[in-house]
C-alpha atoms as a PDB file:
ATOM      1  CA  MET A   1    -121.815 166.501-130.372  1.00  0.00           C
ATOM      2  CA  GLU A   2    -123.670 167.705-127.284  1.00  0.00           C
ATOM      3  CA  ARG A   3    -125.115 165.595-124.750  1.00  0.00           C
ATOM      4  CA  ASP A   4    -127.321 166.041-121.504  1.00  0.00           C
ATOM      5  CA  PRO A   5    -124.673 165.799-118.504  1.00  0.00           C
ATOM      6  CA  TYR A   6    -127.169 164.697-116.486  1.00  0.00           C
ATOM      7  CA  ALA A   7    -128.041 161.870-118.545  1.00  0.00           C
ATOM      8  CA  VAL A   8    -124.601 160.974-119.195  1.00  0.00           C
ATOM      9  CA  ILE A   9    -123.040 161.141-115.972  1.00  0.00           C
ATOM     10  CA  LEU A  10    -126.454 159.033-114.706  1.00  0.00           C
ATOM     11  CA  ASN A  11    -126.483 156.633-117.394  1.00  0.00           C
ATOM     12  CA  THR A  12    -122.318 155.655-116.220  1.00  0.00           C
ATOM     13  CA  ALA A  13    -123.360 155.644-112.672  1.00  0.00           C
ATOM     14  CA  LEU A  14    -125.762 152.692-113.903  1.00  0.00           C
ATOM     15  CA  ASN A  15    -123.544 151.137-115.999  1.00  0.00           C
ATOM     16  CA  GLU A  16    -120.837 151.464-112.624  1.00  0.00           C
ATOM     17  CA  ILE A  17    -123.590 149.685-110.676  1.00  0.00           C
ATOM     18  CA  LYS A  18    -124.261 147.294-113.114  1.00  0.00           C
ATOM     19  CA  LYS A  19    -120.853 145.783-113.730  1.00  0.00           C
ATOM     20  CA  ALA A  20    -119.843 146.531-109.378  1.00  0.00           C
ATOM     21  CA  TYR A  21    -122.686 144.365-109.153  1.00  0.00           C
ATOM     22  CA  PRO A  22    -123.502 141.329-111.470  1.00  0.00           C
ATOM     23  CA  ASN A  23    -126.893 140.743-110.105  1.00  0.00           C
ATOM     24  CA  ILE A  24    -128.057 143.688-111.370  1.00  0.00           C
ATOM     25  CA  LYS A  25    -129.170 142.252-114.659  1.00  0.00           C
ATOM     26  CA  HIS A  26    -130.773 145.891-115.787  1.00  0.00           C
ATOM     27  CA  SER A  27    -132.145 149.352-114.230  1.00  0.00           C
ATOM     28  CA  PHE A  28    -133.657 152.663-115.399  1.00  0.00           C
ATOM     29  CA  ILE A  29    -134.417 156.264-113.671  1.00  0.00           C
ATOM     30  CA  PHE A  30    -137.994 158.589-115.071  1.00  0.00           C
ATOM     31  CA  SER A  31    -138.866 160.679-113.814  1.00  0.00           C
ATOM     32  CA  LYS A  32    -142.629 161.605-111.822  1.00  0.00           C
ATOM     33  CA  ASN A  33    -144.201 162.477-114.719  1.00  0.00           C
ATOM     34  CA  GLY A  34    -143.574 159.348-116.336  1.00  0.00           C
ATOM     35  CA  THR A  35    -140.385 160.440-118.422  1.00  0.00           C
ATOM     36  CA  ILE A  36    -137.638 158.199-118.673  1.00  0.00           C
ATOM     37  CA  ILE A  37    -134.114 159.594-118.656  1.00  0.00           C
ATOM     38  CA  THR A  38    -131.596 157.366-118.916  1.00  0.00           C
ATOM     39  CA  GLU A  39    -131.380 153.203-119.130  1.00  0.00           C
ATOM     40  CA  ASN A  40    -129.271 150.640-118.861  1.00  0.00           C
ATOM     41  CA  PRO A  41    -128.745 149.573-123.007  1.00  0.00           C
ATOM     42  CA  GLU A  42    -130.175 146.228-122.822  1.00  0.00           C
ATOM     43  CA  THR A  43    -133.088 147.456-120.910  1.00  0.00           C
ATOM     44  CA  ASN A  44    -135.693 146.097-122.870  1.00  0.00           C
ATOM     45  CA  GLU A  45    -138.313 149.705-123.612  1.00  0.00           C
ATOM     46  CA  GLU A  46    -141.161 147.774-124.479  1.00  0.00           C
ATOM     47  CA  ASN A  47    -140.040 146.456-120.192  1.00  0.00           C
ATOM     48  CA  ILE A  48    -139.221 150.348-118.795  1.00  0.00           C
ATOM     49  CA  LYS A  49    -143.432 151.526-121.180  1.00  0.00           C
ATOM     50  CA  LYS A  50    -144.895 148.502-119.059  1.00  0.00           C
ATOM     51  CA  ILE A  51    -143.183 148.998-115.928  1.00  0.00           C
ATOM     52  CA  VAL A  52    -143.867 153.676-115.958  1.00  0.00           C
ATOM     53  CA  GLU A  53    -147.572 152.843-116.797  1.00  0.00           C
ATOM     54  CA  SER A  54    -148.326 149.733-114.202  1.00  0.00           C
ATOM     55  CA  PHE A  55    -146.595 152.312-112.225  1.00  0.00           C
ATOM     56  CA  GLU A  56    -148.745 155.263-113.178  1.00  0.00           C
ATOM     57  CA  THR A  57    -151.435 152.843-111.994  1.00  0.00           C
ATOM     58  CA  LEU A  58    -150.274 151.861-109.086  1.00  0.00           C
ATOM     59  CA  ARG A  59    -149.495 155.247-108.073  1.00  0.00           C
ATOM     60  CA  ASP A  60    -152.961 157.400-108.660  1.00  0.00           C
ATOM     61  CA  LYS A  61    -154.806 154.284-106.014  1.00  0.00           C
ATOM     62  CA  THR A  62    -151.801 155.112-103.248  1.00  0.00           C
ATOM     63  CA  LYS A  63    -153.290 159.226-103.307  1.00  0.00           C
ATOM     64  CA  VAL A  64    -155.414 158.382-100.741  1.00  0.00           C
ATOM     65  CA  ILE A  65    -153.393 155.948 -98.360  1.00  0.00           C
ATOM     66  CA  GLY A  66    -150.255 159.228 -99.098  1.00  0.00           C
ATOM     67  CA  ASN A  67    -147.015 158.894-101.313  1.00  0.00           C
ATOM     68  CA  LEU A  68    -145.363 156.074-103.066  1.00  0.00           C
ATOM     69  CA  GLN A  69    -141.495 155.466-102.334  1.00  0.00           C
ATOM     70  CA  GLY A  70    -141.161 152.727-103.539  1.00  0.00           C
ATOM     71  CA  PHE A  71    -142.143 149.119-103.378  1.00  0.00           C
ATOM     72  CA  GLN A  72    -140.494 145.305-104.346  1.00  0.00           C
ATOM     73  CA  ILE A  73    -141.930 142.607-106.511  1.00  0.00           C
ATOM     74  CA  ASN A  74    -140.445 138.674-105.511  1.00  0.00           C
ATOM     75  CA  GLY A  75    -140.537 137.076-108.991  1.00  0.00           C
ATOM     76  CA  LYS A  76    -139.567 133.147-110.161  1.00  0.00           C
ATOM     77  CA  ASN A  77    -137.120 133.961-111.108  1.00  0.00           C
ATOM     78  CA  GLY A  78    -135.484 137.415-109.750  1.00  0.00           C
ATOM     79  CA  LYS A  79    -137.151 140.967-107.990  1.00  0.00           C
ATOM     80  CA  LEU A  80    -138.420 144.679-109.965  1.00  0.00           C
ATOM     81  CA  ILE A  81    -138.046 147.042-107.367  1.00  0.00           C
ATOM     82  CA  LEU A  82    -138.399 151.195-107.041  1.00  0.00           C
ATOM     83  CA  SER A  83    -137.644 152.864-105.270  1.00  0.00           C
ATOM     84  CA  ASN A  84    -138.509 157.127-105.335  1.00  0.00           C
ATOM     85  CA  ILE A  85    -135.131 159.001-104.829  1.00  0.00           C
ATOM     86  CA  LYS A  86    -135.708 162.507-104.738  1.00  0.00           C
ATOM     87  CA  ASP A  87    -137.809 164.281-107.724  1.00  0.00           C
ATOM     88  CA  MET A  88    -137.169 160.820-110.152  1.00  0.00           C
ATOM     89  CA  TYR A  89    -138.070 157.237-109.508  1.00  0.00           C
ATOM     90  CA  LEU A  90    -135.287 154.320-109.782  1.00  0.00           C
ATOM     91  CA  VAL A  91    -135.781 151.404-111.167  1.00  0.00           C
ATOM     92  CA  LEU A  92    -133.788 147.893-110.849  1.00  0.00           C
ATOM     93  CA  GLU A  93    -134.335 144.042-111.600  1.00  0.00           C
ATOM     94  CA  THR A  94    -132.057 141.902-110.472  1.00  0.00           C
ATOM     95  CA  SER A  95    -131.666 138.258-109.686  1.00  0.00           C
ATOM     96  CA  GLU A  96    -133.118 136.248-107.134  1.00  0.00           C
ATOM     97  CA  LYS A  97    -129.348 135.811-105.171  1.00  0.00           C
ATOM     98  CA  ALA A  98    -129.353 139.308-105.247  1.00  0.00           C
ATOM     99  CA  ASP A  99    -128.050 140.941-102.016  1.00  0.00           C
ATOM    100  CA  LYS A 100    -130.333 143.301-100.200  1.00  0.00           C
ATOM    101  CA  SER A 101    -126.788 144.557 -98.287  1.00  0.00           C
ATOM    102  CA  HIS A 102    -126.294 145.569-102.744  1.00  0.00           C
ATOM    103  CA  ILE A 103    -129.503 146.976-102.697  1.00  0.00           C
ATOM    104  CA  TYR A 104    -130.026 149.395-100.222  1.00  0.00           C
ATOM    105  CA  ALA A 105    -126.128 150.428-100.383  1.00  0.00           C
ATOM    106  CA  ILE A 106    -127.423 151.525-104.623  1.00  0.00           C
ATOM    107  CA  THR A 107    -131.189 152.882-103.859  1.00  0.00           C
ATOM    108  CA  HIS A 108    -130.032 154.819-100.939  1.00  0.00           C
ATOM    109  CA  ALA A 109    -126.401 155.533-100.293  1.00  0.00           C
ATOM    110  CA  ILE A 110    -124.864 155.688-104.609  1.00  0.00           C
ATOM    111  CA  VAL A 111    -127.350 156.460-106.393  1.00  0.00           C
ATOM    112  CA  PRO A 112    -128.454 159.387-104.113  1.00  0.00           C
ATOM    113  CA  THR A 113    -125.217 161.118-104.266  1.00  0.00           C
ATOM    114  CA  VAL A 114    -124.394 161.116-107.670  1.00  0.00           C
ATOM    115  CA  LEU A 115    -127.997 163.355-107.472  1.00  0.00           C
ATOM    116  CA  LYS A 116    -126.537 164.812-104.194  1.00  0.00           C
ATOM    117  CA  THR A 117    -123.245 165.620-106.785  1.00  0.00           C
ATOM    118  CA  LEU A 118    -124.799 166.469-109.117  1.00  0.00           C
ATOM    119  CA  GLU A 119    -126.355 169.759-107.931  1.00  0.00           C
ATOM    120  CA  THR A 120    -123.888 171.103-106.185  1.00  0.00           C
ATOM    121  CA  ILE A 121    -121.858 170.835-109.538  1.00  0.00           C
ATOM    122  CA  ALA A 122    -124.712 172.843-111.151  1.00  0.00           C
ATOM    123  CA  PRO A 123    -127.506 173.843-108.745  1.00  0.00           C
ATOM    124  CA  ILE A 124    -130.067 174.213-110.828  1.00  0.00           C
ATOM    125  CA  SER A 125    -133.857 172.568-110.997  1.00  0.00           C
ATOM    126  CA  LEU A 126    -134.069 169.896-113.591  1.00  0.00           C
ATOM    127  CA  GLN A 127    -136.736 169.894-116.120  1.00  0.00           C
ATOM    128  CA  PHE A 128    -136.606 166.457-118.487  1.00  0.00           C
ATOM    129  CA  THR A 129    -138.408 166.667-121.905  1.00  0.00           C
ATOM    130  CA  PRO A 130    -140.208 163.639-123.109  1.00  0.00           C
ATOM    131  CA  SER A 131    -138.956 161.469-125.410  1.00  0.00           C
ATOM    132  CA  LYS A 132    -139.347 159.289-127.774  1.00  0.00           C
ATOM    133  CA  LYS A 133    -137.292 156.265-130.016  1.00  0.00           C
ATOM    134  CA  LEU A 134    -138.082 156.678-134.091  1.00  0.00           C
ATOM    135  CA  VAL A 135    -136.571 155.026-136.388  1.00  0.00           C
ATOM    136  CA  VAL A 136    -134.321 156.657-138.687  1.00  0.00           C
ATOM    137  CA  GLU A 137    -135.346 157.323-142.599  1.00  0.00           C
ATOM    138  CA  THR A 138    -132.662 158.316-145.042  1.00  0.00           C
ATOM    139  CA  LEU A 139    -133.834 161.243-147.522  1.00  0.00           C
ATOM    140  CA  SER A 140    -131.863 161.645-149.764  1.00  0.00           C
ATOM    141  CA  GLY A 141    -131.514 164.232-153.377  1.00  0.00           C
ATOM    142  CA  PHE A 142    -131.346 168.140-154.322  1.00  0.00           C
ATOM    143  CA  PHE A 143    -134.512 169.203-152.213  1.00  0.00           C
ATOM    144  CA  ALA A 144    -133.563 166.849-148.990  1.00  0.00           C
ATOM    145  CA  GLY A 145    -132.341 170.244-147.230  1.00  0.00           C
ATOM    146  CA  ASP A 146    -131.295 170.441-143.229  1.00  0.00           C
ATOM    147  CA  SER A 147    -134.303 169.829-141.987  1.00  0.00           C
ATOM    148  CA  VAL A 148    -135.977 166.529-140.473  1.00  0.00           C
ATOM    149  CA  GLN A 149    -138.859 165.039-141.148  1.00  0.00           C
ATOM    150  CA  ILE A 150    -141.385 163.942-138.202  1.00  0.00           C
ATOM    151  CA  ASP A 151    -145.748 163.568-138.208  1.00  0.00           C
ATOM    152  CA  ALA A 152    -147.521 165.607-136.254  1.00  0.00           C
ATOM    153  CA  GLU A 153    -149.127 163.272-133.975  1.00  0.00           C
ATOM    154  CA  THR A 154    -145.684 162.365-132.710  1.00  0.00           C
ATOM    155  CA  LEU A 155    -145.022 165.461-132.225  1.00  0.00           C
ATOM    156  CA  MET A 156    -148.124 166.194-130.070  1.00  0.00           C
ATOM    157  CA  GLU A 157    -146.373 162.751-127.980  1.00  0.00           C
ATOM    158  CA  LEU A 158    -143.555 165.141-127.520  1.00  0.00           C
ATOM    159  CA  ASN A 159    -144.655 168.724-126.436  1.00  0.00           C
ATOM    160  CA  ALA A 160    -148.540 168.991-126.745  1.00  0.00           C
ATOM    161  CA  GLU A 161    -148.384 172.809-124.816  1.00  0.00           C
ATOM    162  CA  GLU A 162    -146.752 174.496-127.702  1.00  0.00           C
ATOM    163  CA  ILE A 163    -145.612 174.051-130.890  1.00  0.00           C
ATOM    164  CA  VAL A 164    -141.953 172.326-131.611  1.00  0.00           C
ATOM    165  CA  ASP A 165    -140.035 173.320-134.038  1.00  0.00           C
ATOM    166  CA  ARG A 166    -137.264 172.284-133.244  1.00  0.00           C
ATOM    167  CA  VAL A 167    -135.649 168.350-132.022  1.00  0.00           C
ATOM    168  CA  GLN A 168    -133.042 166.838-130.333  1.00  0.00           C
ATOM    169  CA  VAL A 169    -131.622 163.802-131.765  1.00  0.00           C
ATOM    170  CA  GLU A 170    -129.338 161.423-129.616  1.00  0.00           C
ATOM    171  CA  THR A 171    -127.800 158.054-130.712  1.00  0.00           C
ATOM    172  CA  PHE A 172    -127.396 155.252-128.483  1.00  0.00           C
ATOM    173  CA  ASP A 173    -123.762 156.013-129.301  1.00  0.00           C
ATOM    174  CA  GLY A 174    -124.091 159.293-127.757  1.00  0.00           C
ATOM    175  CA  ASN A 175    -123.729 161.798-130.877  1.00  0.00           C
ATOM    176  CA  SER A 176    -126.196 164.708-129.926  1.00  0.00           C
ATOM    177  CA  ALA A 177    -127.601 167.600-132.881  1.00  0.00           C
ATOM    178  CA  LEU A 178    -129.965 169.995-132.809  1.00  0.00           C
ATOM    179  CA  PHE A 179    -132.252 170.157-136.602  1.00  0.00           C
ATOM    180  CA  THR A 180    -135.789 172.164-137.487  1.00  0.00           C
ATOM    181  CA  VAL A 181    -138.248 170.343-137.702  1.00  0.00           C
ATOM    182  CA  LYS A 182    -140.934 169.565-140.624  1.00  0.00           C
ATOM    183  CA  ARG A 183    -144.734 168.028-140.484  1.00  0.00           C
ATOM    184  CA  ILE A 184    -144.239 164.391-142.531  1.00  0.00           C
ATOM    185  CA  SER A 185    -146.573 165.086-145.413  1.00  0.00           C
ATOM    186  CA  ASP A 186    -146.352 162.084-147.469  1.00  0.00           C
ATOM    187  CA  MET A 187    -149.817 159.844-145.780  1.00  0.00           C
ATOM    188  CA  ARG A 188    -147.677 156.519-146.000  1.00  0.00           C
ATOM    189  CA  ARG A 189    -145.215 157.300-143.601  1.00  0.00           C
ATOM    190  CA  ARG A 190    -147.486 158.615-140.929  1.00  0.00           C
ATOM    191  CA  GLY A 191    -148.344 156.954-137.320  1.00  0.00           C
ATOM    192  CA  LYS A 192    -145.114 154.623-137.736  1.00  0.00           C
ATOM    193  CA  ASN A 193    -142.657 155.688-135.412  1.00  0.00           C
ATOM    194  CA  LEU A 194    -140.696 157.385-138.600  1.00  0.00           C
ATOM    195  CA  ILE A 195    -138.310 160.511-138.052  1.00  0.00           C
ATOM    196  CA  ARG A 196    -136.708 161.845-141.515  1.00  0.00           C
ATOM    197  CA  ILE A 197    -133.148 162.794-141.686  1.00  0.00           C
ATOM    198  CA  PRO A 198    -130.428 163.871-144.650  1.00  0.00           C
ATOM    199  CA  GLU A 199    -128.172 161.636-145.699  1.00  0.00           C
ATOM    200  CA  LYS A 200    -125.837 164.255-144.765  1.00  0.00           C
ATOM    201  CA  LEU A 201    -126.745 164.421-141.167  1.00  0.00           C
ATOM    202  CA  CYS A 202    -127.124 160.799-141.228  1.00  0.00           C
ATOM    203  CA  ARG A 203    -123.411 160.583-141.550  1.00  0.00           C
ATOM    204  CA  TRP A 204    -122.755 163.752-139.177  1.00  0.00           C
ATOM    205  CA  LEU A 205    -124.801 161.889-136.691  1.00  0.00           C
ATOM    206  CA  LYS A 206    -123.011 158.093-138.259  1.00  0.00           C
ATOM    207  CA  VAL A 207    -126.077 156.375-137.881  1.00  0.00           C
ATOM    208  CA  LYS A 208    -128.155 154.757-140.905  1.00  0.00           C
ATOM    209  CA  ARG A 209    -131.311 153.229-142.764  1.00  0.00           C
ATOM    210  CA  GLY A 210    -133.354 151.691-140.405  1.00  0.00           C
ATOM    211  CA  ASP A 211    -131.543 152.633-136.817  1.00  0.00           C
ATOM    212  CA  LEU A 212    -133.098 153.593-133.962  1.00  0.00           C
ATOM    213  CA  VAL A 213    -132.815 157.717-132.386  1.00  0.00           C
ATOM    214  CA  LYS A 214    -134.511 159.440-128.913  1.00  0.00           C
ATOM    215  CA  VAL A 215    -136.503 162.856-130.015  1.00  0.00           C
ATOM    216  CA  LYS A 216    -136.800 165.526-127.588  1.00  0.00           C
ATOM    217  CA  PRO A 217    -138.049 169.026-127.669  1.00  0.00           C
ATOM    218  CA  ALA A 218    -135.392 171.237-127.859  1.00  0.00           C
ATOM    219  CA  LEU A 219    -134.276 173.813-126.257  1.00  0.00           C
ATOM    220  CA  GLN A 220    -135.404 177.120-126.253  1.00  0.00           C
ATOM    221  CA  ARG A 221    -133.980 179.701-128.818  1.00  0.00           C
ATOM    222  CA  ASP A 222    -131.577 181.628-127.272  1.00  0.00           C
ATOM    223  CA  SER A 223    -130.076 178.142-125.964  1.00  0.00           C
ATOM    224  CA  TYR A 224    -129.955 177.118-129.591  1.00  0.00           C
ATOM    225  CA  ASP A 225    -128.257 180.185-130.963  1.00  0.00           C
ATOM    226  CA  ARG A 226    -125.634 179.632-128.311  1.00  0.00           C
ATOM    227  CA  GLN A 227    -125.011 176.140-128.575  1.00  0.00           C
ATOM    228  CA  LYS A 228    -124.723 176.640-132.773  1.00  0.00           C
ATOM    229  CA  THR A 229    -121.751 179.631-132.875  1.00  0.00           C
END
């Protein structure tokens, strides 16, 4: 089962940073368009959303004085640090005792070195498509088929520029697969952030009803066909 190699390596880097620097509580990386690239498993999704939205507002306000390279917020129980690294933004949530030299090493040496190494190994532009976390609902019966089902509104959020007919589904255990997608027709299930997956595909992905999965638009058709062969 395939995973985005960039997201895997960056996720590993964040996990190793947390092990090496205990005062780093949470961390995540997002692109300039607000797409979450990777995050620590413990990082709260709602907090990520609030931080990204606040950053977007702040960035719009700073356009008149130049690009925003980063900022730091000192709170009662710790710090929130955002750093611009190449075409991405790294967010660190730390304890109040976090060492400044450690923060500098992470933002100016460790993560930039990982990104530089990635570009050396595969010198291609890093393109990240928007993803969304959806709740699994199982499909059973003879007519379950091999397609997953998502409501039209969610598909528009994933890609407003063209019709999405395939999606990549990734579990939090690292399993990933590409599926054709159909629109949920049942009005009772629309607008509830659901992805309906046939039971046999759930077994393959090792997910069950109620689990969260990450969903994003699939690769182009030629890439999809190569992965199937």
